[in-house]
N, C-alpha and C. Protein backbone atom coordinates (compact mmCIF):
# COMPACT_ATOMS: atom_id res chain seq x y z
N MET A 1 98.13 165.60 81.67
CA MET A 1 96.85 165.30 82.51
C MET A 1 96.17 164.61 81.15
N GLU A 2 95.66 163.36 81.36
CA GLU A 2 95.05 162.75 80.55
C GLU A 2 93.51 163.39 80.49
N GLY A 3 93.35 164.41 79.30
CA GLY A 3 91.99 164.77 79.53
C GLY A 3 91.18 164.13 78.27
N GLY A 4 91.62 163.38 77.42
CA GLY A 4 90.74 162.76 76.26
C GLY A 4 90.01 161.62 76.73
N GLY A 5 89.53 160.97 75.87
CA GLY A 5 89.05 159.63 76.06
C GLY A 5 87.61 159.74 76.45
N SER A 6 86.98 158.50 76.97
CA SER A 6 85.53 158.64 77.47
C SER A 6 85.43 159.18 78.74
N HIS A 7 84.37 159.95 78.84
CA HIS A 7 84.19 160.42 80.24
C HIS A 7 84.06 159.35 81.32
N GLY A 8 83.80 158.28 80.99
CA GLY A 8 83.73 157.37 82.08
C GLY A 8 84.88 156.46 82.50
N SER A 9 85.99 156.92 81.38
CA SER A 9 87.30 156.29 81.98
C SER A 9 87.86 156.89 83.24
N PRO A 10 88.37 155.96 84.29
CA PRO A 10 88.98 156.38 85.26
C PRO A 10 90.41 157.45 85.22
N THR A 11 90.84 157.37 84.14
CA THR A 11 92.12 158.19 83.55
C THR A 11 91.96 159.79 83.40
N SER A 12 90.50 159.70 82.93
CA SER A 12 90.12 160.90 82.19
C SER A 12 90.27 162.04 83.07
N GLY A 13 91.11 163.00 83.01
CA GLY A 13 91.18 164.19 83.85
C GLY A 13 92.09 164.00 85.01
N MET A 14 92.23 162.60 85.50
CA MET A 14 93.14 162.29 86.64
C MET A 14 94.20 161.93 86.64
N LEU A 15 94.70 161.29 85.53
CA LEU A 15 96.08 160.60 85.45
C LEU A 15 97.21 161.65 84.73
N HIS A 16 98.16 161.92 85.50
CA HIS A 16 99.37 162.71 84.83
C HIS A 16 100.13 161.83 83.98
N GLY A 17 100.49 162.17 82.93
CA GLY A 17 101.48 161.45 82.28
C GLY A 17 101.69 161.94 80.86
N ILE A 18 102.47 161.37 80.09
CA ILE A 18 102.93 161.72 78.65
C ILE A 18 102.44 160.38 77.64
N PHE A 19 101.77 161.30 76.53
CA PHE A 19 101.29 160.03 75.56
C PHE A 19 102.51 159.79 74.61
N PHE A 20 102.47 158.48 74.23
CA PHE A 20 103.46 158.10 73.33
C PHE A 20 102.53 157.05 72.36
N SER A 21 102.85 157.26 71.05
CA SER A 21 102.31 156.21 69.86
C SER A 21 103.44 155.12 69.91
N CYS A 22 102.67 153.85 69.85
CA CYS A 22 103.47 152.57 69.76
C CYS A 22 103.22 152.00 68.38
N ASN A 23 102.90 152.82 67.64
CA ASN A 23 102.66 151.95 66.15
C ASN A 23 103.95 152.08 65.38
N THR A 24 103.94 151.16 64.44
CA THR A 24 105.27 150.79 63.80
C THR A 24 104.74 150.26 62.28
N GLU A 25 105.69 150.52 61.34
CA GLU A 25 105.18 149.91 59.99
C GLU A 25 105.58 148.37 60.08
N PHE A 26 104.72 147.77 59.69
CA PHE A 26 104.56 146.25 59.75
C PHE A 26 105.85 145.57 59.41
N ASN A 27 106.43 146.27 58.06
CA ASN A 27 107.36 145.58 57.29
C ASN A 27 108.94 146.19 57.81
N THR A 28 108.99 147.15 58.60
CA THR A 28 110.39 147.60 59.01
C THR A 28 110.32 147.47 60.50
N GLY A 29 109.20 147.61 61.25
CA GLY A 29 109.35 147.67 62.74
C GLY A 29 109.89 149.15 63.15
N GLN A 30 109.90 150.01 62.30
CA GLN A 30 110.31 151.41 62.34
C GLN A 30 108.92 152.43 62.63
N PRO A 31 108.88 153.58 63.27
CA PRO A 31 107.89 154.28 63.39
C PRO A 31 107.11 154.75 62.00
N PRO A 32 105.89 155.03 61.76
CA PRO A 32 105.70 155.12 60.42
C PRO A 32 106.18 156.36 60.10
N GLN A 33 106.14 156.55 58.58
CA GLN A 33 106.68 157.96 58.01
C GLN A 33 105.59 158.91 58.12
N ASP A 34 104.53 158.71 57.98
CA ASP A 34 103.23 159.69 58.30
C ASP A 34 102.98 159.72 59.62
N SER A 35 102.11 160.68 60.07
CA SER A 35 102.04 161.02 61.42
C SER A 35 100.77 162.04 61.54
N PRO A 36 99.73 161.41 62.44
CA PRO A 36 98.50 162.48 62.74
C PRO A 36 98.96 163.38 64.13
N TYR A 37 100.20 163.27 64.45
CA TYR A 37 100.57 164.03 65.75
C TYR A 37 101.41 165.35 65.58
N GLY A 38 101.61 165.56 63.98
CA GLY A 38 102.38 166.61 63.86
C GLY A 38 103.54 166.55 63.10
N ARG A 39 104.39 167.33 62.82
CA ARG A 39 105.68 167.35 62.01
C ARG A 39 106.84 166.87 62.60
N TYR A 40 106.72 166.95 63.75
CA TYR A 40 107.97 166.43 64.81
C TYR A 40 107.58 165.38 65.66
N ARG A 41 108.75 164.51 65.85
CA ARG A 41 108.73 163.18 66.75
C ARG A 41 109.69 163.16 67.68
N PHE A 42 109.18 162.69 68.72
CA PHE A 42 110.27 162.39 69.82
C PHE A 42 110.26 160.81 70.01
N GLN A 43 111.59 160.43 69.68
CA GLN A 43 111.48 158.73 69.92
C GLN A 43 112.74 158.62 70.94
N ILE A 44 112.12 157.52 71.78
CA ILE A 44 112.93 156.96 72.86
C ILE A 44 112.83 155.60 72.82
N PRO A 45 114.28 155.15 73.29
CA PRO A 45 114.30 153.51 73.01
C PRO A 45 113.20 152.90 74.27
N ALA A 46 112.49 151.81 73.41
CA ALA A 46 111.24 151.41 74.45
C ALA A 46 111.67 150.84 75.81
N GLN A 47 113.04 150.29 75.83
CA GLN A 47 113.32 149.81 77.21
C GLN A 47 113.63 150.88 78.06
N ARG A 48 113.64 152.25 77.78
CA ARG A 48 113.70 153.33 78.87
C ARG A 48 112.40 153.21 79.54
N LEU A 49 111.19 153.08 78.97
CA LEU A 49 109.96 153.42 79.38
C LEU A 49 109.13 151.90 79.93
N PHE A 50 109.40 150.87 79.02
CA PHE A 50 108.78 149.47 79.41
C PHE A 50 109.86 148.44 79.44
N ASN A 51 109.65 147.87 80.69
CA ASN A 51 110.81 146.71 81.16
C ASN A 51 110.26 146.08 82.40
N PRO A 52 110.95 145.11 82.53
CA PRO A 52 110.48 144.31 83.82
C PRO A 52 110.01 144.96 85.21
N ASN A 53 110.63 146.39 85.22
CA ASN A 53 110.30 147.21 86.44
C ASN A 53 108.97 148.00 86.11
N THR A 54 108.16 147.74 84.97
CA THR A 54 107.05 148.51 84.59
C THR A 54 105.89 147.68 84.93
N ASN A 55 104.97 148.35 85.09
CA ASN A 55 103.42 147.85 85.12
C ASN A 55 102.70 148.28 84.11
N LEU A 56 101.77 147.45 83.47
CA LEU A 56 101.18 147.89 82.21
C LEU A 56 99.49 147.83 82.66
N TYR A 57 98.86 148.68 82.27
CA TYR A 57 97.38 148.68 82.55
C TYR A 57 96.64 149.12 81.29
N PHE A 58 95.38 148.46 81.33
CA PHE A 58 94.42 148.93 80.08
C PHE A 58 94.00 149.94 80.56
N ALA A 59 93.94 151.00 79.67
CA ALA A 59 93.00 152.42 80.13
C ALA A 59 91.64 152.59 79.23
N ASP A 60 91.70 152.34 77.99
CA ASP A 60 90.60 152.77 76.96
C ASP A 60 90.71 152.02 75.85
N PHE A 61 89.49 152.05 74.98
CA PHE A 61 89.25 151.22 73.84
C PHE A 61 88.29 151.98 73.18
N TYR A 62 88.56 152.15 71.72
CA TYR A 62 87.43 152.75 71.03
C TYR A 62 87.27 152.06 69.47
N CYS A 63 86.25 152.13 69.27
CA CYS A 63 86.08 151.59 67.77
C CYS A 63 86.07 152.63 66.83
N MET A 64 86.96 152.71 65.85
CA MET A 64 87.50 153.69 64.76
C MET A 64 86.20 153.61 63.59
N TYR A 65 85.25 152.54 63.49
CA TYR A 65 84.56 152.37 62.37
C TYR A 65 85.33 151.74 61.19
N THR A 66 86.48 151.30 61.38
CA THR A 66 87.29 150.93 60.36
C THR A 66 87.90 149.54 60.91
N ALA A 67 88.78 148.83 60.15
CA ALA A 67 89.26 147.56 60.61
C ALA A 67 90.21 147.85 61.91
N TYR A 68 90.34 149.08 62.38
CA TYR A 68 91.38 149.43 63.37
C TYR A 68 90.64 149.73 64.56
N HIS A 69 91.19 149.51 65.74
CA HIS A 69 90.76 150.07 67.05
C HIS A 69 91.57 150.88 67.62
N TYR A 70 91.19 151.81 68.36
CA TYR A 70 92.10 152.66 69.16
C TYR A 70 92.27 152.16 70.55
N VAL A 71 93.64 152.04 71.07
CA VAL A 71 93.69 151.56 72.31
C VAL A 71 94.84 152.20 73.11
N VAL A 72 94.33 152.57 74.43
CA VAL A 72 95.07 153.43 75.29
C VAL A 72 95.62 152.48 76.27
N LEU A 73 96.96 152.33 76.54
CA LEU A 73 97.42 151.66 77.76
C LEU A 73 98.05 152.58 78.61
N VAL A 74 98.41 152.20 80.02
CA VAL A 74 99.47 153.14 80.69
C VAL A 74 100.67 152.19 81.15
N LEU A 75 101.73 152.93 80.93
CA LEU A 75 102.95 152.30 81.44
C LEU A 75 103.13 153.02 82.79
N ALA A 76 103.54 152.27 83.89
CA ALA A 76 103.76 152.97 85.18
C ALA A 76 104.95 152.20 86.01
N PRO A 77 105.88 152.74 86.05
CA PRO A 77 107.16 152.25 86.83
C PRO A 77 106.70 151.80 88.09
N LYS A 78 107.01 150.32 88.55
CA LYS A 78 106.52 149.62 89.77
C LYS A 78 106.78 150.70 91.00
N GLY A 79 105.70 150.89 91.63
CA GLY A 79 105.82 151.66 92.91
C GLY A 79 105.66 153.11 92.79
N SER A 80 105.58 153.45 91.61
CA SER A 80 105.17 154.95 91.29
C SER A 80 103.79 155.44 91.63
N SER A 81 103.93 156.76 91.63
CA SER A 81 102.56 157.44 92.14
C SER A 81 101.47 157.11 91.19
N GLY A 82 101.93 156.95 89.82
CA GLY A 82 101.11 156.48 88.60
C GLY A 82 100.91 154.96 88.69
N ASP A 83 101.62 154.26 89.35
CA ASP A 83 101.40 152.79 89.45
C ASP A 83 100.29 152.68 90.60
N LEU A 84 100.51 153.32 91.62
CA LEU A 84 99.33 153.17 92.81
C LEU A 84 97.95 153.67 92.22
N PHE A 85 98.16 154.74 91.67
CA PHE A 85 96.93 155.22 91.00
C PHE A 85 96.04 154.13 90.17
N CYS A 86 96.72 153.63 89.18
CA CYS A 86 96.36 152.78 88.25
C CYS A 86 95.96 151.33 89.00
N ARG A 87 96.64 151.04 89.78
CA ARG A 87 96.57 149.74 90.55
C ARG A 87 95.19 149.80 91.08
N GLU A 88 94.44 150.76 91.67
CA GLU A 88 93.36 150.99 92.09
C GLU A 88 92.07 151.18 91.33
N ARG A 89 92.53 151.50 89.92
CA ARG A 89 91.54 151.87 89.08
C ARG A 89 91.38 151.05 87.73
N LEU A 90 92.32 150.46 87.33
CA LEU A 90 92.52 149.98 85.97
C LEU A 90 92.86 148.56 85.99
N PRO A 91 92.59 147.61 85.18
CA PRO A 91 92.95 146.31 84.85
C PRO A 91 94.54 146.21 84.49
N GLN A 92 95.16 145.50 85.23
CA GLN A 92 96.68 145.29 85.05
C GLN A 92 96.84 144.19 84.06
N LEU A 93 97.63 144.39 82.75
CA LEU A 93 98.05 143.29 82.06
C LEU A 93 99.07 142.62 82.30
N ASP A 94 99.46 141.56 81.75
CA ASP A 94 100.65 140.64 81.83
C ASP A 94 101.80 141.29 81.03
N ILE A 95 102.74 142.18 81.17
CA ILE A 95 103.60 142.58 80.23
C ILE A 95 104.19 141.62 79.22
N SER A 96 103.96 140.44 79.64
CA SER A 96 104.74 139.03 78.51
C SER A 96 103.78 138.46 77.60
N SER A 97 102.31 138.74 78.03
CA SER A 97 101.31 138.00 77.44
C SER A 97 99.99 138.67 77.73
N ASN A 98 99.60 139.51 76.23
CA ASN A 98 98.62 140.19 76.38
C ASN A 98 98.27 140.60 75.00
N LYS A 99 96.95 141.03 74.35
CA LYS A 99 96.81 141.27 73.02
C LYS A 99 97.32 142.36 72.54
N PHE A 100 97.84 143.36 73.13
CA PHE A 100 97.96 144.65 72.77
C PHE A 100 99.74 145.11 72.50
N LEU A 101 100.37 144.88 73.70
CA LEU A 101 101.80 145.41 73.89
C LEU A 101 102.69 144.43 74.77
N THR A 102 103.66 143.89 74.44
CA THR A 102 104.23 142.81 75.31
C THR A 102 105.80 143.34 75.44
N CYS A 103 106.35 142.74 76.43
CA CYS A 103 107.96 142.83 76.70
C CYS A 103 108.41 141.70 77.21
N CYS A 104 109.17 141.05 76.32
CA CYS A 104 109.75 139.65 76.78
C CYS A 104 111.13 139.70 76.91
N VAL A 105 111.84 138.80 77.57
CA VAL A 105 113.36 138.42 77.59
C VAL A 105 113.58 137.21 76.80
N GLU A 106 114.20 137.45 75.38
CA GLU A 106 114.37 136.44 74.73
C GLU A 106 116.19 136.50 74.34
N GLU A 107 116.68 135.50 74.62
CA GLU A 107 118.23 135.27 74.62
C GLU A 107 118.81 136.54 75.27
N GLY A 108 118.37 136.72 76.51
CA GLY A 108 119.08 137.88 77.13
C GLY A 108 118.64 139.33 76.92
N GLU A 109 117.97 139.30 75.78
CA GLU A 109 117.37 140.85 75.31
C GLU A 109 115.93 140.94 75.47
N LEU A 110 115.43 142.31 75.72
CA LEU A 110 114.17 142.66 75.76
C LEU A 110 113.63 142.73 74.39
N VAL A 111 112.57 142.12 74.06
CA VAL A 111 111.86 141.93 72.84
C VAL A 111 110.50 142.43 72.98
N TYR A 112 110.14 143.46 72.23
CA TYR A 112 108.77 144.13 72.02
C TYR A 112 107.86 143.73 70.69
N ARG A 113 106.70 143.56 71.22
CA ARG A 113 105.44 143.04 70.25
C ARG A 113 104.18 144.02 70.34
N HIS A 114 103.68 144.49 69.32
CA HIS A 114 102.35 145.02 69.54
C HIS A 114 101.43 144.75 68.57
N ALA A 115 100.07 144.78 68.86
CA ALA A 115 99.22 144.60 67.90
C ALA A 115 99.37 145.42 66.57
N GLN A 116 99.00 144.55 65.61
CA GLN A 116 99.17 145.46 64.22
C GLN A 116 97.65 146.05 63.76
N ASP A 117 96.76 145.47 64.47
CA ASP A 117 95.39 145.94 64.21
C ASP A 117 94.69 146.92 65.00
N SER A 118 95.68 147.67 65.78
CA SER A 118 95.21 148.69 66.70
C SER A 118 95.88 149.95 66.33
N ILE A 119 95.47 150.97 66.80
CA ILE A 119 96.19 152.23 66.88
C ILE A 119 96.53 152.29 68.20
N LEU A 120 97.68 151.96 68.73
CA LEU A 120 97.99 151.96 70.07
C LEU A 120 98.86 153.21 70.50
N GLU A 121 98.21 153.64 71.64
CA GLU A 121 99.05 154.77 72.52
C GLU A 121 99.06 154.33 73.77
N VAL A 122 100.12 154.66 74.48
CA VAL A 122 100.48 154.58 75.98
C VAL A 122 100.66 155.84 76.80
N ILE A 123 100.11 156.04 77.83
CA ILE A 123 100.62 157.02 79.02
C ILE A 123 101.67 156.51 79.90
N TYR A 124 102.74 157.18 79.80
CA TYR A 124 103.81 156.95 80.55
C TYR A 124 103.56 157.99 81.72
N THR A 125 103.57 157.43 83.02
CA THR A 125 103.18 158.33 84.09
C THR A 125 104.26 159.06 84.74
N GLU A 126 105.26 158.99 84.55
CA GLU A 126 106.40 159.60 85.10
C GLU A 126 107.09 160.66 84.23
N PRO A 127 108.06 161.56 84.82
CA PRO A 127 108.50 162.58 83.76
C PRO A 127 109.59 161.78 83.03
N VAL A 128 109.88 162.31 81.84
CA VAL A 128 110.72 161.38 81.02
C VAL A 128 112.08 162.48 80.73
N ASP A 129 113.31 162.05 80.85
CA ASP A 129 114.45 162.66 80.46
C ASP A 129 114.67 162.94 79.23
N LEU A 130 114.47 164.05 78.51
CA LEU A 130 114.60 164.36 76.98
C LEU A 130 115.76 163.78 76.29
N SER A 131 116.91 163.89 77.41
CA SER A 131 118.31 163.77 76.74
C SER A 131 118.42 161.92 76.42
N LEU A 132 117.39 161.20 76.91
CA LEU A 132 117.36 159.87 76.68
C LEU A 132 116.77 159.56 75.15
N GLY A 133 116.37 160.50 74.50
CA GLY A 133 115.32 160.23 73.23
C GLY A 133 115.90 161.17 72.13
N VAL A 134 115.39 161.44 70.94
CA VAL A 134 116.13 162.06 70.02
C VAL A 134 114.49 162.74 69.21
N LEU A 135 114.63 164.04 69.21
CA LEU A 135 113.51 164.79 68.47
C LEU A 135 114.05 164.88 66.80
N GLY A 136 112.99 164.61 66.02
CA GLY A 136 113.26 164.54 64.80
C GLY A 136 112.11 165.17 63.97
N GLU A 137 112.18 165.35 62.50
CA GLU A 137 111.10 165.70 61.89
C GLU A 137 110.61 164.25 61.17
N ILE A 138 109.36 164.26 60.78
CA ILE A 138 108.83 163.03 60.16
C ILE A 138 109.07 162.97 58.78
N SER A 139 109.38 161.93 58.16
CA SER A 139 109.81 161.75 56.67
C SER A 139 108.61 161.94 55.99
N GLY A 140 107.38 161.57 56.16
CA GLY A 140 106.07 161.44 55.57
C GLY A 140 105.26 162.41 55.68
N HIS A 141 103.96 162.46 55.68
CA HIS A 141 103.06 163.68 55.58
C HIS A 141 102.48 163.78 56.94
N GLN A 142 102.11 164.82 57.13
CA GLN A 142 101.33 164.99 58.65
C GLN A 142 99.56 164.81 58.19
N LEU A 143 99.29 163.76 58.84
CA LEU A 143 97.86 163.26 58.62
C LEU A 143 96.97 163.90 59.44
N MET A 144 95.50 163.75 59.23
CA MET A 144 94.55 164.47 60.06
C MET A 144 94.68 163.83 61.46
N SER A 145 94.36 164.70 62.57
CA SER A 145 94.45 164.25 63.85
C SER A 145 93.56 163.05 63.91
N LEU A 146 93.86 161.83 64.93
CA LEU A 146 92.90 161.19 65.30
C LEU A 146 92.28 161.54 66.57
N SER A 147 91.11 161.80 66.55
CA SER A 147 90.04 162.11 67.42
C SER A 147 89.30 161.14 68.16
N THR A 148 89.29 160.96 69.55
CA THR A 148 88.41 160.13 69.93
C THR A 148 87.07 160.94 70.79
N ALA A 149 87.28 162.15 70.34
CA ALA A 149 86.03 162.89 71.23
C ALA A 149 84.83 162.34 70.42
N ASN A 150 83.93 162.36 71.48
CA ASN A 150 82.52 161.63 71.23
C ASN A 150 82.43 160.32 70.46
N ALA A 151 83.58 159.50 70.81
CA ALA A 151 83.87 158.33 70.50
C ALA A 151 82.64 157.49 70.77
N LYS A 152 81.89 156.47 70.11
CA LYS A 152 81.05 155.62 70.55
C LYS A 152 81.47 154.19 70.11
N LYS A 153 80.91 153.27 70.60
CA LYS A 153 81.24 151.99 70.23
C LYS A 153 80.17 151.44 68.70
N ASP A 154 80.53 150.80 67.96
CA ASP A 154 79.85 150.39 66.74
C ASP A 154 79.04 149.25 67.10
N PRO A 155 77.62 149.36 67.19
CA PRO A 155 76.99 148.22 67.61
C PRO A 155 77.11 146.86 66.69
N SER A 156 77.48 146.99 65.61
CA SER A 156 77.68 146.09 64.69
C SER A 156 79.06 145.31 64.54
N CYS A 157 80.04 146.08 65.31
CA CYS A 157 81.50 145.59 65.38
C CYS A 157 81.60 144.34 66.29
N LYS A 158 82.41 143.40 65.74
CA LYS A 158 82.43 142.04 66.23
C LYS A 158 83.60 142.16 67.30
N THR A 159 84.68 143.18 67.22
CA THR A 159 85.55 143.15 68.06
C THR A 159 85.06 144.02 69.34
N CYS A 160 84.19 145.31 69.39
CA CYS A 160 83.82 146.01 70.44
C CYS A 160 82.66 145.05 71.14
N ASN A 161 82.12 144.29 70.36
CA ASN A 161 80.64 143.94 71.06
C ASN A 161 80.86 142.25 71.12
N ILE A 162 81.08 141.80 72.39
CA ILE A 162 81.22 140.43 72.36
C ILE A 162 80.03 139.48 72.13
N SER A 163 78.76 140.23 72.14
CA SER A 163 77.54 139.56 71.80
C SER A 163 77.18 139.32 70.34
N VAL A 164 78.21 140.19 69.22
CA VAL A 164 77.88 140.39 67.88
C VAL A 164 78.51 139.02 67.31
N GLY A 165 77.75 138.31 66.61
CA GLY A 165 78.12 137.28 65.74
C GLY A 165 79.05 136.04 66.64
N ARG A 166 78.62 135.99 67.87
CA ARG A 166 79.20 134.85 68.47
C ARG A 166 78.09 133.95 69.13
């Protein structure tokens, strides 16, 4: 169950699901060598969770008081209980055109893109068959945990606050 995030978020304490990081190294497209999530990483091909049969919802956004922002999205298979929950409570994003995470068909293949200026996580709302992925040890360092506990907007941030500098 999603228990982190801001207390005002409709998903906090209400939405069941599994968190996945969507971050990749900008030069390789592979998951980062370092991780704030522990020494082990479960990797699953994106198309198993995110495809044209999946709805994408915006859940939360935090200023990290750096150049990066922390964004939480929800992936819910169309018609699933998670999809019904989100449809009533969260803004739905176009999977092929939004600022955070996209899935498009190009030359018959699914192509994925994500924002490089965000720390991006998704909540997948349904059980995941572990045999579809691979568990392995990270090749880099275990970093300090990224916590959004007590996260607040930076009043001077031009990304968080639409009235600043515009």
